[in-house]
Amino acid sequence: MEDSSYETVVHANPNGSATITETMKIVGEPAAKAKELAKKLSPEKARQRLEDSFKKTGYKLVDFFMTPTNSPGSNYETRITYTAPRFGSTTAGG
């Protein structure tokens, strides 16, 4: 059975910022296709592109992971963790 999942976890920080983790998991034939596409871009280049993109918006990349393209099995996962500086607002009254 082929299955995919996408998950976003938001941790609100006391200073109004947030730490956000986005995880994508793919299984089966779509995972094989994703691994093939990922061969065109090394994890280092993917991370650098994400860092550059996030800097333009004021976000900061904290962590990045992608399944190695030569890994055995029919699973593929990417995980991106970043901070958003102004996710929530606080007032003097809380």
N, C-alpha and C. Protein backbone atom coordinates (compact mmCIF):
# COMPACT_ATOMS: atom_id res chain seq x y z
N MET A 1 0.83 -1.18 0.00
CA MET A 1 0.00 0.00 0.00
C MET A 1 0.88 1.25 0.00
N GLU A 2 0.53 2.19 -0.84
CA GLU A 2 1.26 3.44 -0.89
C GLU A 2 0.58 4.45 0.01
N ASP A 3 1.37 5.22 0.72
CA ASP A 3 0.81 6.18 1.65
C ASP A 3 1.76 7.36 1.77
N SER A 4 1.19 8.52 1.97
CA SER A 4 1.98 9.72 2.20
C SER A 4 1.41 10.46 3.39
N SER A 5 2.26 11.19 4.08
CA SER A 5 1.77 12.03 5.17
C SER A 5 2.55 13.33 5.20
N TYR A 6 1.85 14.37 5.58
CA TYR A 6 2.43 15.70 5.73
C TYR A 6 2.03 16.20 7.11
N GLU A 7 3.01 16.66 7.85
CA GLU A 7 2.72 17.11 9.21
C GLU A 7 3.43 18.44 9.46
N THR A 8 2.73 19.36 10.08
CA THR A 8 3.31 20.63 10.50
C THR A 8 3.08 20.78 11.99
N VAL A 9 4.16 20.99 12.73
CA VAL A 9 4.08 21.19 14.18
C VAL A 9 4.59 22.60 14.48
N VAL A 10 3.78 23.36 15.20
CA VAL A 10 4.14 24.73 15.55
C VAL A 10 4.30 24.82 17.06
N HIS A 11 5.47 25.27 17.48
CA HIS A 11 5.73 25.50 18.90
C HIS A 11 5.82 27.01 19.10
N ALA A 12 4.86 27.57 19.79
CA ALA A 12 4.86 29.01 20.06
C ALA A 12 5.86 29.32 21.17
N ASN A 13 6.73 30.27 20.92
CA ASN A 13 7.74 30.67 21.88
C ASN A 13 7.24 31.88 22.68
N PRO A 14 7.70 32.06 23.92
CA PRO A 14 7.23 33.16 24.77
C PRO A 14 7.44 34.55 24.16
N ASN A 15 8.43 34.70 23.29
CA ASN A 15 8.72 36.02 22.74
C ASN A 15 7.88 36.36 21.50
N GLY A 16 6.90 35.53 21.18
CA GLY A 16 6.04 35.80 20.03
C GLY A 16 6.50 35.13 18.75
N SER A 17 7.68 34.54 18.76
CA SER A 17 8.15 33.80 17.60
C SER A 17 7.62 32.38 17.67
N ALA A 18 7.92 31.59 16.67
CA ALA A 18 7.51 30.19 16.67
C ALA A 18 8.60 29.34 16.04
N THR A 19 8.69 28.12 16.49
CA THR A 19 9.55 27.13 15.85
C THR A 19 8.62 26.15 15.15
N ILE A 20 8.81 26.02 13.85
CA ILE A 20 7.90 25.24 13.00
C ILE A 20 8.68 24.08 12.39
N THR A 21 8.10 22.89 12.47
CA THR A 21 8.69 21.71 11.84
C THR A 21 7.69 21.15 10.85
N GLU A 22 8.13 21.03 9.60
CA GLU A 22 7.31 20.45 8.54
C GLU A 22 7.95 19.14 8.11
N THR A 23 7.15 18.07 8.15
CA THR A 23 7.65 16.74 7.79
C THR A 23 6.78 16.16 6.68
N MET A 24 7.45 15.63 5.67
CA MET A 24 6.76 14.96 4.57
C MET A 24 7.31 13.54 4.49
N LYS A 25 6.42 12.56 4.53
CA LYS A 25 6.82 11.16 4.40
C LYS A 25 6.06 10.56 3.23
N ILE A 26 6.81 9.91 2.35
CA ILE A 26 6.24 9.30 1.15
C ILE A 26 6.65 7.83 1.13
N VAL A 27 5.74 6.97 0.69
CA VAL A 27 6.00 5.53 0.64
C VAL A 27 5.62 5.01 -0.74
N GLY A 28 6.35 3.98 -1.20
CA GLY A 28 6.00 3.31 -2.45
C GLY A 28 6.58 3.99 -3.67
N GLU A 29 5.87 3.88 -4.78
CA GLU A 29 6.33 4.43 -6.06
C GLU A 29 6.57 5.94 -6.00
N PRO A 30 5.70 6.72 -5.35
CA PRO A 30 6.00 8.16 -5.24
C PRO A 30 7.32 8.43 -4.53
N ALA A 31 7.68 7.59 -3.55
CA ALA A 31 8.96 7.75 -2.85
C ALA A 31 10.12 7.50 -3.79
N ALA A 32 10.00 6.49 -4.64
CA ALA A 32 11.06 6.20 -5.61
C ALA A 32 11.24 7.37 -6.57
N LYS A 33 10.13 7.96 -7.00
CA LYS A 33 10.20 9.13 -7.89
C LYS A 33 10.84 10.33 -7.18
N ALA A 34 10.49 10.52 -5.93
CA ALA A 34 11.05 11.63 -5.15
C ALA A 34 12.56 11.45 -4.98
N LYS A 35 13.00 10.22 -4.74
CA LYS A 35 14.44 9.96 -4.61
C LYS A 35 15.17 10.27 -5.91
N GLU A 36 14.56 9.92 -7.04
CA GLU A 36 15.17 10.21 -8.34
C GLU A 36 15.29 11.72 -8.55
N LEU A 37 14.24 12.45 -8.23
CA LEU A 37 14.29 13.91 -8.37
C LEU A 37 15.32 14.52 -7.43
N ALA A 38 15.45 13.96 -6.24
CA ALA A 38 16.38 14.49 -5.25
C ALA A 38 17.84 14.30 -5.66
N LYS A 39 18.10 13.36 -6.55
CA LYS A 39 19.48 13.13 -7.01
C LYS A 39 20.03 14.34 -7.74
N LYS A 40 19.15 15.19 -8.26
CA LYS A 40 19.58 16.37 -9.00
C LYS A 40 20.05 17.50 -8.08
N LEU A 41 19.75 17.38 -6.79
CA LEU A 41 20.08 18.44 -5.85
C LEU A 41 20.62 17.81 -4.57
N SER A 42 21.87 18.10 -4.26
CA SER A 42 22.47 17.53 -3.05
C SER A 42 21.81 18.12 -1.81
N PRO A 43 21.85 17.40 -0.69
CA PRO A 43 21.29 17.95 0.55
C PRO A 43 21.92 19.29 0.93
N GLU A 44 23.22 19.44 0.67
CA GLU A 44 23.89 20.69 0.99
C GLU A 44 23.34 21.85 0.16
N LYS A 45 23.12 21.62 -1.13
CA LYS A 45 22.56 22.67 -1.98
C LYS A 45 21.11 22.96 -1.61
N ALA A 46 20.35 21.93 -1.28
CA ALA A 46 18.97 22.12 -0.86
C ALA A 46 18.92 22.96 0.41
N ARG A 47 19.79 22.63 1.36
CA ARG A 47 19.84 23.39 2.62
C ARG A 47 20.21 24.84 2.35
N GLN A 48 21.19 25.07 1.50
CA GLN A 48 21.62 26.44 1.19
C GLN A 48 20.49 27.24 0.54
N ARG A 49 19.76 26.62 -0.36
CA ARG A 49 18.62 27.30 -1.01
C ARG A 49 17.54 27.66 0.01
N LEU A 50 17.27 26.73 0.93
CA LEU A 50 16.29 27.01 1.98
C LEU A 50 16.76 28.15 2.88
N GLU A 51 18.03 28.11 3.28
CA GLU A 51 18.57 29.18 4.13
C GLU A 51 18.45 30.53 3.45
N ASP A 52 18.81 30.59 2.18
CA ASP A 52 18.74 31.84 1.43
C ASP A 52 17.30 32.33 1.31
N SER A 53 16.40 31.42 1.03
CA SER A 53 14.99 31.78 0.89
C SER A 53 14.42 32.27 2.21
N PHE A 54 14.72 31.59 3.31
CA PHE A 54 14.21 31.98 4.62
C PHE A 54 14.76 33.32 5.07
N LYS A 55 16.03 33.60 4.76
CA LYS A 55 16.64 34.87 5.16
C LYS A 55 15.87 36.05 4.57
N LYS A 56 15.39 35.89 3.35
CA LYS A 56 14.66 36.97 2.67
C LYS A 56 13.36 37.30 3.39
N THR A 57 12.78 36.33 4.09
CA THR A 57 11.51 36.54 4.78
C THR A 57 11.68 36.79 6.27
N GLY A 58 12.92 36.76 6.76
CA GLY A 58 13.17 36.96 8.17
C GLY A 58 13.12 35.69 9.00
N TYR A 59 12.89 34.55 8.34
CA TYR A 59 12.87 33.26 9.03
C TYR A 59 14.30 32.73 9.10
N LYS A 60 14.50 31.76 9.99
CA LYS A 60 15.83 31.16 10.12
C LYS A 60 15.69 29.64 10.09
N LEU A 61 16.45 29.01 9.19
CA LEU A 61 16.46 27.55 9.11
C LEU A 61 17.23 27.01 10.30
N VAL A 62 16.60 26.10 11.04
CA VAL A 62 17.22 25.49 12.22
C VAL A 62 17.76 24.11 11.88
N ASP A 63 16.98 23.32 11.13
CA ASP A 63 17.39 21.96 10.80
C ASP A 63 16.77 21.55 9.48
N PHE A 64 17.50 20.70 8.76
CA PHE A 64 17.01 20.19 7.48
C PHE A 64 17.47 18.74 7.34
N PHE A 65 16.55 17.88 6.92
CA PHE A 65 16.88 16.47 6.69
C PHE A 65 16.14 15.99 5.46
N MET A 66 16.82 15.20 4.66
CA MET A 66 16.15 14.47 3.59
C MET A 66 16.77 13.09 3.50
N THR A 67 15.93 12.09 3.22
CA THR A 67 16.41 10.72 3.11
C THR A 67 17.49 10.65 2.03
N PRO A 68 18.61 10.00 2.31
CA PRO A 68 19.64 9.86 1.27
C PRO A 68 19.06 9.14 0.04
N THR A 69 19.45 9.59 -1.13
CA THR A 69 18.88 9.03 -2.36
C THR A 69 19.30 7.59 -2.59
N ASN A 70 20.38 7.15 -1.95
CA ASN A 70 20.83 5.76 -2.12
C ASN A 70 20.37 4.85 -0.99
N SER A 71 19.46 5.32 -0.16
CA SER A 71 19.00 4.50 0.96
C SER A 71 18.09 3.38 0.45
N PRO A 72 18.18 2.22 1.08
CA PRO A 72 17.32 1.10 0.66
C PRO A 72 15.87 1.34 1.11
N GLY A 73 14.98 0.61 0.54
CA GLY A 73 13.59 0.71 0.95
C GLY A 73 12.78 1.64 0.08
N SER A 74 11.50 1.69 0.37
CA SER A 74 10.59 2.48 -0.46
C SER A 74 10.01 3.66 0.32
N ASN A 75 10.84 4.25 1.19
CA ASN A 75 10.41 5.41 1.97
C ASN A 75 11.26 6.62 1.62
N TYR A 76 10.64 7.79 1.66
CA TYR A 76 11.36 9.04 1.46
C TYR A 76 10.79 10.06 2.43
N GLU A 77 11.67 10.79 3.10
CA GLU A 77 11.23 11.77 4.09
C GLU A 77 12.03 13.05 3.97
N THR A 78 11.36 14.16 4.13
CA THR A 78 12.04 15.45 4.29
C THR A 78 11.50 16.08 5.56
N ARG A 79 12.38 16.79 6.27
CA ARG A 79 11.98 17.47 7.50
C ARG A 79 12.70 18.82 7.55
N ILE A 80 11.93 19.86 7.73
CA ILE A 80 12.48 21.22 7.78
C ILE A 80 12.00 21.85 9.08
N THR A 81 12.94 22.39 9.86
CA THR A 81 12.60 23.11 11.08
C THR A 81 13.14 24.53 10.94
N TYR A 82 12.28 25.49 11.21
CA TYR A 82 12.69 26.88 11.09
C TYR A 82 11.97 27.73 12.12
N THR A 83 12.49 28.94 12.35
CA THR A 83 11.85 29.86 13.27
C THR A 83 11.20 30.98 12.48
N ALA A 84 10.03 31.38 12.93
CA ALA A 84 9.32 32.53 12.38
C ALA A 84 9.36 33.61 13.45
N PRO A 85 9.96 34.75 13.17
CA PRO A 85 10.20 35.75 14.22
C PRO A 85 8.94 36.40 14.78
N ARG A 86 7.90 36.55 14.01
CA ARG A 86 6.70 37.24 14.48
C ARG A 86 5.47 36.38 14.23
N PHE A 87 5.44 35.23 14.83
CA PHE A 87 4.34 34.29 14.60
C PHE A 87 3.08 34.70 15.36
N GLY A 88 3.27 35.08 16.59
CA GLY A 88 2.13 35.49 17.43
C GLY A 88 2.45 36.82 18.06
N SER A 89 1.46 37.55 18.42
CA SER A 89 1.72 38.82 19.06
C SER A 89 1.29 38.75 20.52
N THR A 90 2.00 39.47 21.34
CA THR A 90 1.63 39.54 22.74
C THR A 90 1.40 41.00 23.10
N THR A 91 0.56 41.21 24.06
CA THR A 91 0.30 42.56 24.53
C THR A 91 0.76 42.67 25.98
N ALA A 92 0.72 43.87 26.51
CA ALA A 92 1.16 44.07 27.89
C ALA A 92 0.32 43.26 28.86
N GLY A 93 -0.95 43.03 28.51
CA GLY A 93 -1.82 42.27 29.38
C GLY A 93 -1.74 40.77 29.18
N GLY A 94 -0.90 40.32 28.22
CA GLY A 94 -0.76 38.89 27.98
C GLY A 94 -1.41 38.53 26.75
